Amino acid sequence: MAVSSVLSYPIPSLVGIYILYLFGLVIYRLYFHPLAKFPGPKYAAISRWHEFYYEVVKQGQFTFKVQELHKKYGLLSPSHARVIIVLSSTHWSRPDCSHRSG
């Protein structure tokens, strides 16, 4: 019976599945992603929409926003989901800024 109701209403079912997927993706990126332990704004960890906002709506202000995030959160700052921007290449030699073991 449950399968027939899903097949009877495919669009609402697909919308519901997509909403569940997005919810799971947000939970994963905030708590389980390898970059989740780095400090930074949570909205930047969830998606790349804020980069679009600063580049398109604010007309190229994303670079200045990244500098502001570095001042607030330190040397390593998540710019958006799946990316961390390093303030300078000299920070790679610091052991507290590396994920490598050994």
PDB file of N, CA and C in Angstrom:
ATOM      1  N   MET A   1       0.813  -1.196   0.000  1.00  0.00           N
ATOM      2  CA  MET A   1       0.000   0.000   0.000  1.00  0.00           C
ATOM      3  C   MET A   1       0.860   1.264   0.000  1.00  0.00           C
ATOM      4  N   ALA A   2       1.958   1.259   0.744  1.00  0.00           N
ATOM      5  CA  ALA A   2       2.822   2.438   0.790  1.00  0.00           C
ATOM      6  C   ALA A   2       3.465   2.707  -0.561  1.00  0.00           C
ATOM      7  N   VAL A   3       3.827   1.635  -1.263  1.00  0.00           N
ATOM      8  CA  VAL A   3       4.449   1.790  -2.576  1.00  0.00           C
ATOM      9  C   VAL A   3       3.449   2.375  -3.559  1.00  0.00           C
ATOM     10  N   SER A   4       2.227   1.940  -3.491  1.00  0.00           N
ATOM     11  CA  SER A   4       1.225   2.462  -4.425  1.00  0.00           C
ATOM     12  C   SER A   4       0.929   3.944  -4.168  1.00  0.00           C
ATOM     13  N   SER A   5       0.975   4.376  -2.897  1.00  0.00           N
ATOM     14  CA  SER A   5       0.740   5.794  -2.625  1.00  0.00           C
ATOM     15  C   SER A   5       1.910   6.653  -3.111  1.00  0.00           C
ATOM     16  N   VAL A   6       3.123   6.111  -3.032  1.00  0.00           N
ATOM     17  CA  VAL A   6       4.287   6.839  -3.553  1.00  0.00           C
ATOM     18  C   VAL A   6       4.188   6.947  -5.068  1.00  0.00           C
ATOM     19  N   LEU A   7       3.776   5.872  -5.712  1.00  0.00           N
ATOM     20  CA  LEU A   7       3.653   5.894  -7.166  1.00  0.00           C
ATOM     21  C   LEU A   7       2.485   6.749  -7.619  1.00  0.00           C
ATOM     22  N   SER A   8       1.472   6.904  -6.776  1.00  0.00           N
ATOM     23  CA  SER A   8       0.322   7.732  -7.132  1.00  0.00           C
ATOM     24  C   SER A   8       0.661   9.219  -7.120  1.00  0.00           C
ATOM     25  N   TYR A   9       1.607   9.599  -6.266  1.00  0.00           N
ATOM     26  CA  TYR A   9       1.998  11.011  -6.124  1.00  0.00           C
ATOM     27  C   TYR A   9       3.514  11.131  -6.291  1.00  0.00           C
ATOM     28  N   PRO A  10       4.032  10.999  -7.510  1.00  0.00           N
ATOM     29  CA  PRO A  10       5.495  10.981  -7.681  1.00  0.00           C
ATOM     30  C   PRO A  10       6.175  12.319  -7.379  1.00  0.00           C
ATOM     31  N   ILE A  11       5.564  13.424  -7.732  1.00  0.00           N
ATOM     32  CA  ILE A  11       6.207  14.729  -7.526  1.00  0.00           C
ATOM     33  C   ILE A  11       6.350  15.044  -6.042  1.00  0.00           C
ATOM     34  N   PRO A  12       5.281  14.952  -5.237  1.00  0.00           N
ATOM     35  CA  PRO A  12       5.462  15.212  -3.802  1.00  0.00           C
ATOM     36  C   PRO A  12       6.437  14.233  -3.147  1.00  0.00           C
ATOM     37  N   SER A  13       6.447  12.989  -3.628  1.00  0.00           N
ATOM     38  CA  SER A  13       7.373  12.009  -3.073  1.00  0.00           C
ATOM     39  C   SER A  13       8.818  12.399  -3.375  1.00  0.00           C
ATOM     40  N   LEU A  14       9.069  12.810  -4.611  1.00  0.00           N
ATOM     41  CA  LEU A  14      10.427  13.221  -4.985  1.00  0.00           C
ATOM     42  C   LEU A  14      10.853  14.479  -4.231  1.00  0.00           C
ATOM     43  N   VAL A  15       9.930  15.402  -4.036  1.00  0.00           N
ATOM     44  CA  VAL A  15      10.240  16.607  -3.266  1.00  0.00           C
ATOM     45  C   VAL A  15      10.587  16.234  -1.829  1.00  0.00           C
ATOM     46  N   GLY A  16       9.828  15.331  -1.244  1.00  0.00           N
ATOM     47  CA  GLY A  16      10.116  14.885   0.118  1.00  0.00           C
ATOM     48  C   GLY A  16      11.464  14.194   0.229  1.00  0.00           C
ATOM     49  N   ILE A  17      11.778  13.349  -0.729  1.00  0.00           N
ATOM     50  CA  ILE A  17      13.078  12.667  -0.734  1.00  0.00           C
ATOM     51  C   ILE A  17      14.211  13.677  -0.880  1.00  0.00           C
ATOM     52  N   TYR A  18      14.022  14.669  -1.733  1.00  0.00           N
ATOM     53  CA  TYR A  18      15.048  15.697  -1.933  1.00  0.00           C
ATOM     54  C   TYR A  18      15.260  16.520  -0.658  1.00  0.00           C
ATOM     55  N   ILE A  19      14.193  16.845   0.041  1.00  0.00           N
ATOM     56  CA  ILE A  19      14.315  17.587   1.299  1.00  0.00           C
ATOM     57  C   ILE A  19      15.061  16.749   2.337  1.00  0.00           C
ATOM     58  N   LEU A  20      14.765  15.460   2.410  1.00  0.00           N
ATOM     59  CA  LEU A  20      15.503  14.578   3.329  1.00  0.00           C
ATOM     60  C   LEU A  20      16.983  14.512   2.954  1.00  0.00           C
ATOM     61  N   TYR A  21      17.272  14.448   1.652  1.00  0.00           N
ATOM     62  CA  TYR A  21      18.661  14.441   1.194  1.00  0.00           C
ATOM     63  C   TYR A  21      19.389  15.715   1.622  1.00  0.00           C
ATOM     64  N   LEU A  22      18.759  16.880   1.421  1.00  0.00           N
ATOM     65  CA  LEU A  22      19.380  18.150   1.797  1.00  0.00           C
ATOM     66  C   LEU A  22      19.622  18.219   3.302  1.00  0.00           C
ATOM     67  N   PHE A  23      18.666  17.755   4.076  1.00  0.00           N
ATOM     68  CA  PHE A  23      18.821  17.737   5.533  1.00  0.00           C
ATOM     69  C   PHE A  23      20.000  16.850   5.934  1.00  0.00           C
ATOM     70  N   GLY A  24      20.091  15.671   5.338  1.00  0.00           N
ATOM     71  CA  GLY A  24      21.219  14.776   5.615  1.00  0.00           C
ATOM     72  C   GLY A  24      22.548  15.383   5.197  1.00  0.00           C
ATOM     73  N   LEU A  25      22.561  16.084   4.075  1.00  0.00           N
ATOM     74  CA  LEU A  25      23.783  16.728   3.594  1.00  0.00           C
ATOM     75  C   LEU A  25      24.245  17.818   4.554  1.00  0.00           C
ATOM     76  N   VAL A  26      23.316  18.608   5.065  1.00  0.00           N
ATOM     77  CA  VAL A  26      23.653  19.659   6.026  1.00  0.00           C
ATOM     78  C   VAL A  26      24.224  19.046   7.297  1.00  0.00           C
ATOM     79  N   ILE A  27      23.603  17.999   7.810  1.00  0.00           N
ATOM     80  CA  ILE A  27      24.104  17.325   9.015  1.00  0.00           C
ATOM     81  C   ILE A  27      25.502  16.768   8.771  1.00  0.00           C
ATOM     82  N   TYR A  28      25.716  16.140   7.621  1.00  0.00           N
ATOM     83  CA  TYR A  28      27.027  15.595   7.303  1.00  0.00           C
ATOM     84  C   TYR A  28      28.090  16.690   7.254  1.00  0.00           C
ATOM     85  N   ARG A  29      27.793  17.782   6.544  1.00  0.00           N
ATOM     86  CA  ARG A  29      28.796  18.840   6.398  1.00  0.00           C
ATOM     87  C   ARG A  29      29.089  19.553   7.707  1.00  0.00           C
ATOM     88  N   LEU A  30      28.123  19.651   8.605  1.00  0.00           N
ATOM     89  CA  LEU A  30      28.350  20.342   9.879  1.00  0.00           C
ATOM     90  C   LEU A  30      29.056  19.475  10.907  1.00  0.00           C
ATOM     91  N   TYR A  31      28.835  18.161  10.874  1.00  0.00           N
ATOM     92  CA  TYR A  31      29.336  17.319  11.957  1.00  0.00           C
ATOM     93  C   TYR A  31      30.286  16.201  11.541  1.00  0.00           C
ATOM     94  N   PHE A  32      30.200  15.685  10.331  1.00  0.00           N
ATOM     95  CA  PHE A  32      30.973  14.509   9.962  1.00  0.00           C
ATOM     96  C   PHE A  32      32.000  14.734   8.858  1.00  0.00           C
ATOM     97  N   HIS A  33      31.937  15.818   8.153  1.00  0.00           N
ATOM     98  CA  HIS A  33      32.893  16.112   7.081  1.00  0.00           C
ATOM     99  C   HIS A  33      34.270  16.322   7.690  1.00  0.00           C
ATOM    100  N   PRO A  34      35.347  15.915   7.008  1.00  0.00           N
ATOM    101  CA  PRO A  34      36.698  16.116   7.550  1.00  0.00           C
ATOM    102  C   PRO A  34      37.025  17.579   7.864  1.00  0.00           C
ATOM    103  N   LEU A  35      36.404  18.532   7.188  1.00  0.00           N
ATOM    104  CA  LEU A  35      36.677  19.941   7.443  1.00  0.00           C
ATOM    105  C   LEU A  35      35.779  20.539   8.523  1.00  0.00           C
ATOM    106  N   ALA A  36      34.895  19.744   9.097  1.00  0.00           N
ATOM    107  CA  ALA A  36      33.942  20.256  10.089  1.00  0.00           C
ATOM    108  C   ALA A  36      34.621  20.715  11.375  1.00  0.00           C
ATOM    109  N   LYS A  37      35.813  20.207  11.658  1.00  0.00           N
ATOM    110  CA  LYS A  37      36.476  20.582  12.911  1.00  0.00           C
ATOM    111  C   LYS A  37      37.186  21.936  12.839  1.00  0.00           C
ATOM    112  N   PHE A  38      37.294  22.506  11.663  1.00  0.00           N
ATOM    113  CA  PHE A  38      37.943  23.808  11.534  1.00  0.00           C
ATOM    114  C   PHE A  38      36.978  24.913  11.942  1.00  0.00           C
ATOM    115  N   PRO A  39      37.492  25.960  12.583  1.00  0.00           N
ATOM    116  CA  PRO A  39      36.608  27.063  12.970  1.00  0.00           C
ATOM    117  C   PRO A  39      36.148  27.845  11.740  1.00  0.00           C
ATOM    118  N   GLY A  40      34.995  28.421  11.854  1.00  0.00           N
ATOM    119  CA  GLY A  40      34.476  29.223  10.762  1.00  0.00           C
ATOM    120  C   GLY A  40      32.971  29.303  10.839  1.00  0.00           C
ATOM    121  N   PRO A  41      32.394  30.131   9.994  1.00  0.00           N
ATOM    122  CA  PRO A  41      30.935  30.274  10.009  1.00  0.00           C
ATOM    123  C   PRO A  41      30.262  28.992   9.517  1.00  0.00           C
ATOM    124  N   LYS A  42      29.193  28.621  10.179  1.00  0.00           N
ATOM    125  CA  LYS A  42      28.484  27.387   9.821  1.00  0.00           C
ATOM    126  C   LYS A  42      27.809  27.503   8.456  1.00  0.00           C
ATOM    127  N   TYR A  43      27.360  28.694   8.091  1.00  0.00           N
ATOM    128  CA  TYR A  43      26.739  28.850   6.781  1.00  0.00           C
ATOM    129  C   TYR A  43      27.739  28.581   5.658  1.00  0.00           C
ATOM    130  N   ALA A  44      29.016  28.837   5.908  1.00  0.00           N
ATOM    131  CA  ALA A  44      30.039  28.563   4.895  1.00  0.00           C
ATOM    132  C   ALA A  44      30.297  27.067   4.777  1.00  0.00           C
ATOM    133  N   ALA A  45      30.104  26.333   5.858  1.00  0.00           N
ATOM    134  CA  ALA A  45      30.313  24.888   5.820  1.00  0.00           C
ATOM    135  C   ALA A  45      29.177  24.175   5.091  1.00  0.00           C
ATOM    136  N   ILE A  46      28.021  24.804   5.047  1.00  0.00           N
ATOM    137  CA  ILE A  46      26.848  24.148   4.474  1.00  0.00           C
ATOM    138  C   ILE A  46      26.824  24.237   2.951  1.00  0.00           C
ATOM    139  N   SER A  47      27.088  25.408   2.393  1.00  0.00           N
ATOM    140  CA  SER A  47      26.963  25.556   0.945  1.00  0.00           C
ATOM    141  C   SER A  47      27.886  26.649   0.424  1.00  0.00           C
ATOM    142  N   ARG A  48      27.800  26.887  -0.869  1.00  0.00           N
ATOM    143  CA  ARG A  48      28.603  27.922  -1.505  1.00  0.00           C
ATOM    144  C   ARG A  48      27.771  29.151  -1.852  1.00  0.00           C
ATOM    145  N   TRP A  49      26.560  29.240  -1.358  1.00  0.00           N
ATOM    146  CA  TRP A  49      25.688  30.353  -1.702  1.00  0.00           C
ATOM    147  C   TRP A  49      26.214  31.687  -1.216  1.00  0.00           C
ATOM    148  N   HIS A  50      26.918  31.697  -0.090  1.00  0.00           N
ATOM    149  CA  HIS A  50      27.429  32.986   0.381  1.00  0.00           C
ATOM    150  C   HIS A  50      28.537  33.499  -0.542  1.00  0.00           C
ATOM    151  N   GLU A  51      29.295  32.595  -1.169  1.00  0.00           N
ATOM    152  CA  GLU A  51      30.293  33.028  -2.149  1.00  0.00           C
ATOM    153  C   GLU A  51      29.596  33.681  -3.342  1.00  0.00           C
ATOM    154  N   PHE A  52      28.529  33.082  -3.822  1.00  0.00           N
ATOM    155  CA  PHE A  52      27.732  33.676  -4.895  1.00  0.00           C
ATOM    156  C   PHE A  52      27.231  35.058  -4.483  1.00  0.00           C
ATOM    157  N   TYR A  53      26.747  35.166  -3.254  1.00  0.00           N
ATOM    158  CA  TYR A  53      26.210  36.440  -2.768  1.00  0.00           C
ATOM    159  C   TYR A  53      27.272  37.530  -2.796  1.00  0.00           C
ATOM    160  N   TYR A  54      28.467  37.230  -2.257  1.00  0.00           N
ATOM    161  CA  TYR A  54      29.510  38.261  -2.210  1.00  0.00           C
ATOM    162  C   TYR A  54      30.117  38.544  -3.583  1.00  0.00           C
ATOM    163  N   GLU A  55      30.139  37.571  -4.476  1.00  0.00           N
ATOM    164  CA  GLU A  55      30.709  37.794  -5.801  1.00  0.00           C
ATOM    165  C   GLU A  55      29.724  38.467  -6.764  1.00  0.00           C
ATOM    166  N   VAL A  56      28.456  38.077  -6.711  1.00  0.00           N
ATOM    167  CA  VAL A  56      27.492  38.584  -7.692  1.00  0.00           C
ATOM    168  C   VAL A  56      26.676  39.740  -7.131  1.00  0.00           C
ATOM    169  N   VAL A  57      26.045  39.522  -6.000  1.00  0.00           N
ATOM    170  CA  VAL A  57      25.167  40.558  -5.447  1.00  0.00           C
ATOM    171  C   VAL A  57      25.983  41.730  -4.908  1.00  0.00           C
ATOM    172  N   LYS A  58      27.054  41.435  -4.176  1.00  0.00           N
ATOM    173  CA  LYS A  58      27.898  42.491  -3.615  1.00  0.00           C
ATOM    174  C   LYS A  58      29.022  42.893  -4.562  1.00  0.00           C
ATOM    175  N   GLN A  59      29.008  42.380  -5.765  1.00  0.00           N
ATOM    176  CA  GLN A  59      29.915  42.755  -6.851  1.00  0.00           C
ATOM    177  C   GLN A  59      31.394  42.594  -6.514  1.00  0.00           C
ATOM    178  N   GLY A  60      31.798  41.345  -6.271  1.00  0.00           N
ATOM    179  CA  GLY A  60      33.209  41.032  -6.118  1.00  0.00           C
ATOM    180  C   GLY A  60      33.798  41.278  -4.746  1.00  0.00           C
ATOM    181  N   GLN A  61      33.008  41.201  -3.711  1.00  0.00           N
ATOM    182  CA  GLN A  61      33.493  41.468  -2.348  1.00  0.00           C
ATOM    183  C   GLN A  61      33.910  40.201  -1.608  1.00  0.00           C
ATOM    184  N   PHE A  62      33.901  39.041  -2.283  1.00  0.00           N
ATOM    185  CA  PHE A  62      34.226  37.791  -1.594  1.00  0.00           C
ATOM    186  C   PHE A  62      35.659  37.778  -1.076  1.00  0.00           C
ATOM    187  N   THR A  63      36.593  38.343  -1.819  1.00  0.00           N
ATOM    188  CA  THR A  63      37.992  38.397  -1.380  1.00  0.00           C
ATOM    189  C   THR A  63      38.112  39.143  -0.058  1.00  0.00           C
ATOM    190  N   PHE A  64      37.400  40.220   0.080  1.00  0.00           N
ATOM    191  CA  PHE A  64      37.444  40.995   1.324  1.00  0.00           C
ATOM    192  C   PHE A  64      36.752  40.249   2.462  1.00  0.00           C
ATOM    193  N   LYS A  65      35.709  39.489   2.129  1.00  0.00           N
ATOM    194  CA  LYS A  65      35.035  38.682   3.143  1.00  0.00           C
ATOM    195  C   LYS A  65      35.960  37.583   3.646  1.00  0.00           C
ATOM    196  N   VAL A  66      36.730  36.983   2.751  1.00  0.00           N
ATOM    197  CA  VAL A  66      37.690  35.944   3.157  1.00  0.00           C
ATOM    198  C   VAL A  66      38.736  36.546   4.089  1.00  0.00           C
ATOM    199  N   GLN A  67      39.219  37.743   3.788  1.00  0.00           N
ATOM    200  CA  GLN A  67      40.183  38.401   4.679  1.00  0.00           C
ATOM    201  C   GLN A  67      39.565  38.669   6.045  1.00  0.00           C
ATOM    202  N   GLU A  68      38.319  39.064   6.064  1.00  0.00           N
ATOM    203  CA  GLU A  68      37.616  39.295   7.319  1.00  0.00           C
ATOM    204  C   GLU A  68      37.478  37.989   8.120  1.00  0.00           C
ATOM    205  N   LEU A  69      37.195  36.882   7.421  1.00  0.00           N
ATOM    206  CA  LEU A  69      37.095  35.586   8.089  1.00  0.00           C
ATOM    207  C   LEU A  69      38.433  35.164   8.670  1.00  0.00           C
ATOM    208  N   HIS A  70      39.530  35.456   7.965  1.00  0.00           N
ATOM    209  CA  HIS A  70      40.856  35.138   8.492  1.00  0.00           C
ATOM    210  C   HIS A  70      41.140  35.925   9.760  1.00  0.00           C
ATOM    211  N   LYS A  71      40.756  37.168   9.798  1.00  0.00           N
ATOM    212  CA  LYS A  71      40.961  37.973  11.004  1.00  0.00           C
ATOM    213  C   LYS A  71      40.140  37.437  12.171  1.00  0.00           C
ATOM    214  N   LYS A  72      38.947  36.965  11.877  1.00  0.00           N
ATOM    215  CA  LYS A  72      38.055  36.493  12.934  1.00  0.00           C
ATOM    216  C   LYS A  72      38.385  35.078  13.395  1.00  0.00           C
ATOM    217  N   TYR A  73      38.708  34.164  12.459  1.00  0.00           N
ATOM    218  CA  TYR A  73      38.866  32.748  12.794  1.00  0.00           C
ATOM    219  C   TYR A  73      40.303  32.246  12.767  1.00  0.00           C
ATOM    220  N   GLY A  74      41.244  33.035  12.299  1.00  0.00           N
ATOM    221  CA  GLY A  74      42.633  32.605  12.324  1.00  0.00           C
ATOM    222  C   GLY A  74      43.195  32.269  10.956  1.00  0.00           C
ATOM    223  N   LEU A  75      44.298  31.519  10.977  1.00  0.00           N
ATOM    224  CA  LEU A  75      45.066  31.247   9.770  1.00  0.00           C
ATOM    225  C   LEU A  75      44.313  30.449   8.715  1.00  0.00           C
ATOM    226  N   LEU A  76      43.577  29.454   9.163  1.00  0.00           N
ATOM    227  CA  LEU A  76      42.808  28.626   8.240  1.00  0.00           C
ATOM    228  C   LEU A  76      41.350  29.003   8.371  1.00  0.00           C
ATOM    229  N   SER A  77      40.723  29.303   7.263  1.00  0.00           N
ATOM    230  CA  SER A  77      39.329  29.729   7.319  1.00  0.00           C
ATOM    231  C   SER A  77      38.530  29.046   6.224  1.00  0.00           C
ATOM    232  N   PRO A  78      37.447  28.356   6.593  1.00  0.00           N
ATOM    233  CA  PRO A  78      36.613  27.771   5.546  1.00  0.00           C
ATOM    234  C   PRO A  78      35.942  28.863   4.727  1.00  0.00           C
ATOM    235  N   SER A  79      36.155  28.838   3.427  1.00  0.00           N
ATOM    236  CA  SER A  79      35.504  29.828   2.579  1.00  0.00           C
ATOM    237  C   SER A  79      34.130  29.337   2.154  1.00  0.00           C
ATOM    238  N   HIS A  80      34.004  28.043   1.961  1.00  0.00           N
ATOM    239  CA  HIS A  80      32.721  27.427   1.664  1.00  0.00           C
ATOM    240  C   HIS A  80      32.866  25.934   1.846  1.00  0.00           C
ATOM    241  N   ALA A  81      31.806  25.225   1.618  1.00  0.00           N
ATOM    242  CA  ALA A  81      31.811  23.779   1.814  1.00  0.00           C
ATOM    243  C   ALA A  81      32.918  23.128   0.997  1.00  0.00           C
ATOM    244  N   ARG A  82      33.698  22.291   1.622  1.00  0.00           N
ATOM    245  CA  ARG A  82      34.764  21.493   1.012  1.00  0.00           C
ATOM    246  C   ARG A  82      36.024  22.275   0.671  1.00  0.00           C
ATOM    247  N   VAL A  83      36.156  23.540   1.078  1.00  0.00           N
ATOM    248  CA  VAL A  83      37.357  24.317   0.767  1.00  0.00           C
ATOM    249  C   VAL A  83      37.780  25.115   1.985  1.00  0.00           C
ATOM    250  N   ILE A  84      39.088  25.073   2.271  1.00  0.00           N
ATOM    251  CA  ILE A  84      39.668  25.926   3.305  1.00  0.00           C
ATOM    252  C   ILE A  84      40.719  26.789   2.633  1.00  0.00           C
ATOM    253  N   ILE A  85      40.672  28.061   2.884  1.00  0.00           N
ATOM    254  CA  ILE A  85      41.653  28.983   2.314  1.00  0.00           C
ATOM    255  C   ILE A  85      42.727  29.239   3.357  1.00  0.00           C
ATOM    256  N   VAL A  86      43.986  29.069   2.943  1.00  0.00           N
ATOM    257  CA  VAL A  86      45.121  29.284   3.825  1.00  0.00           C
ATOM    258  C   VAL A  86      45.612  30.701   3.613  1.00  0.00           C
ATOM    259  N   LEU A  87      45.853  31.409   4.709  1.00  0.00           N
ATOM    260  CA  LEU A  87      46.253  32.804   4.631  1.00  0.00           C
ATOM    261  C   LEU A  87      47.565  32.984   3.882  1.00  0.00           C
ATOM    262  N   SER A  88      48.530  32.107   4.115  1.00  0.00           N
ATOM    263  CA  SER A  88      49.826  32.229   3.457  1.00  0.00           C
ATOM    264  C   SER A  88      50.469  30.859   3.363  1.00  0.00           C
ATOM    265  N   SER A  89      51.360  30.677   2.399  1.00  0.00           N
ATOM    266  CA  SER A  89      51.989  29.367   2.207  1.00  0.00           C
ATOM    267  C   SER A  89      52.933  29.013   3.348  1.00  0.00           C
ATOM    268  N   THR A  90      53.364  29.972   4.131  1.00  0.00           N
ATOM    269  CA  THR A  90      54.270  29.669   5.248  1.00  0.00           C
ATOM    270  C   THR A  90      53.567  28.892   6.351  1.00  0.00           C
ATOM    271  N   HIS A  91      52.251  28.905   6.381  1.00  0.00           N
ATOM    272  CA  HIS A  91      51.515  28.208   7.427  1.00  0.00           C
ATOM    273  C   HIS A  91      51.506  26.702   7.231  1.00  0.00           C
ATOM    274  N   TRP A  92      51.869  26.215   6.060  1.00  0.00           N
ATOM    275  CA  TRP A  92      51.896  24.770   5.837  1.00  0.00           C
ATOM    276  C   TRP A  92      52.966  24.096   6.676  1.00  0.00           C
ATOM    277  N   SER A  93      53.995  24.827   7.088  1.00  0.00           N
ATOM    278  CA  SER A  93      55.053  24.216   7.882  1.00  0.00           C
ATOM    279  C   SER A  93      54.682  24.091   9.348  1.00  0.00           C
ATOM    280  N   ARG A  94      53.603  24.726   9.771  1.00  0.00           N
ATOM    281  CA  ARG A  94      53.165  24.649  11.163  1.00  0.00           C
ATOM    282  C   ARG A  94      52.456  23.328  11.410  1.00  0.00           C
ATOM    283  N   PRO A  95      52.858  22.582  12.449  1.00  0.00           N
ATOM    284  CA  PRO A  95      52.231  21.281  12.706  1.00  0.00           C
ATOM    285  C   PRO A  95      50.765  21.378  13.092  1.00  0.00           C
ATOM    286  N   ASP A  96      50.339  22.482  13.696  1.00  0.00           N
ATOM    287  CA  ASP A  96      48.942  22.598  14.100  1.00  0.00           C
ATOM    288  C   ASP A  96      48.024  22.938  12.937  1.00  0.00           C
ATOM    289  N   CYS A  97      48.592  23.193  11.759  1.00  0.00           N
ATOM    290  CA  CYS A  97      47.777  23.526  10.580  1.00  0.00           C
ATOM    291  C   CYS A  97      47.757  22.387   9.572  1.00  0.00           C
ATOM    292  N   SER A  98      48.238  21.240   9.962  1.00  0.00           N
ATOM    293  CA  SER A  98      48.328  20.122   9.021  1.00  0.00           C
ATOM    294  C   SER A  98      47.487  18.951   9.511  1.00  0.00           C
ATOM    295  N   HIS A  99      46.879  18.237   8.568  1.00  0.00           N
ATOM    296  CA  HIS A  99      46.122  17.023   8.906  1.00  0.00           C
ATOM    297  C   HIS A  99      47.002  15.786   8.837  1.00  0.00           C
ATOM    298  N   ARG A 100      48.167  15.930   8.298  1.00  0.00           N
ATOM    299  CA  ARG A 100      48.992  14.750   8.055  1.00  0.00           C
ATOM    300  C   ARG A 100      49.493  14.160   9.355  1.00  0.00           C
ATOM    301  N   SER A 101      49.441  12.852   9.404  1.00  0.00           N
ATOM    302  CA  SER A 101      49.991  12.170  10.584  1.00  0.00           C
ATOM    303  C   SER A 101      51.352  11.623  10.209  1.00  0.00           C
ATOM    304  N   GLY A 102      52.302  11.853  11.069  1.00  0.00           N
ATOM    305  CA  GLY A 102      53.630  11.335  10.809  1.00  0.00           C
ATOM    306  C   GLY A 102      54.617  12.341  10.333  1.00  0.00           C
TER     307      GLY A 102
END
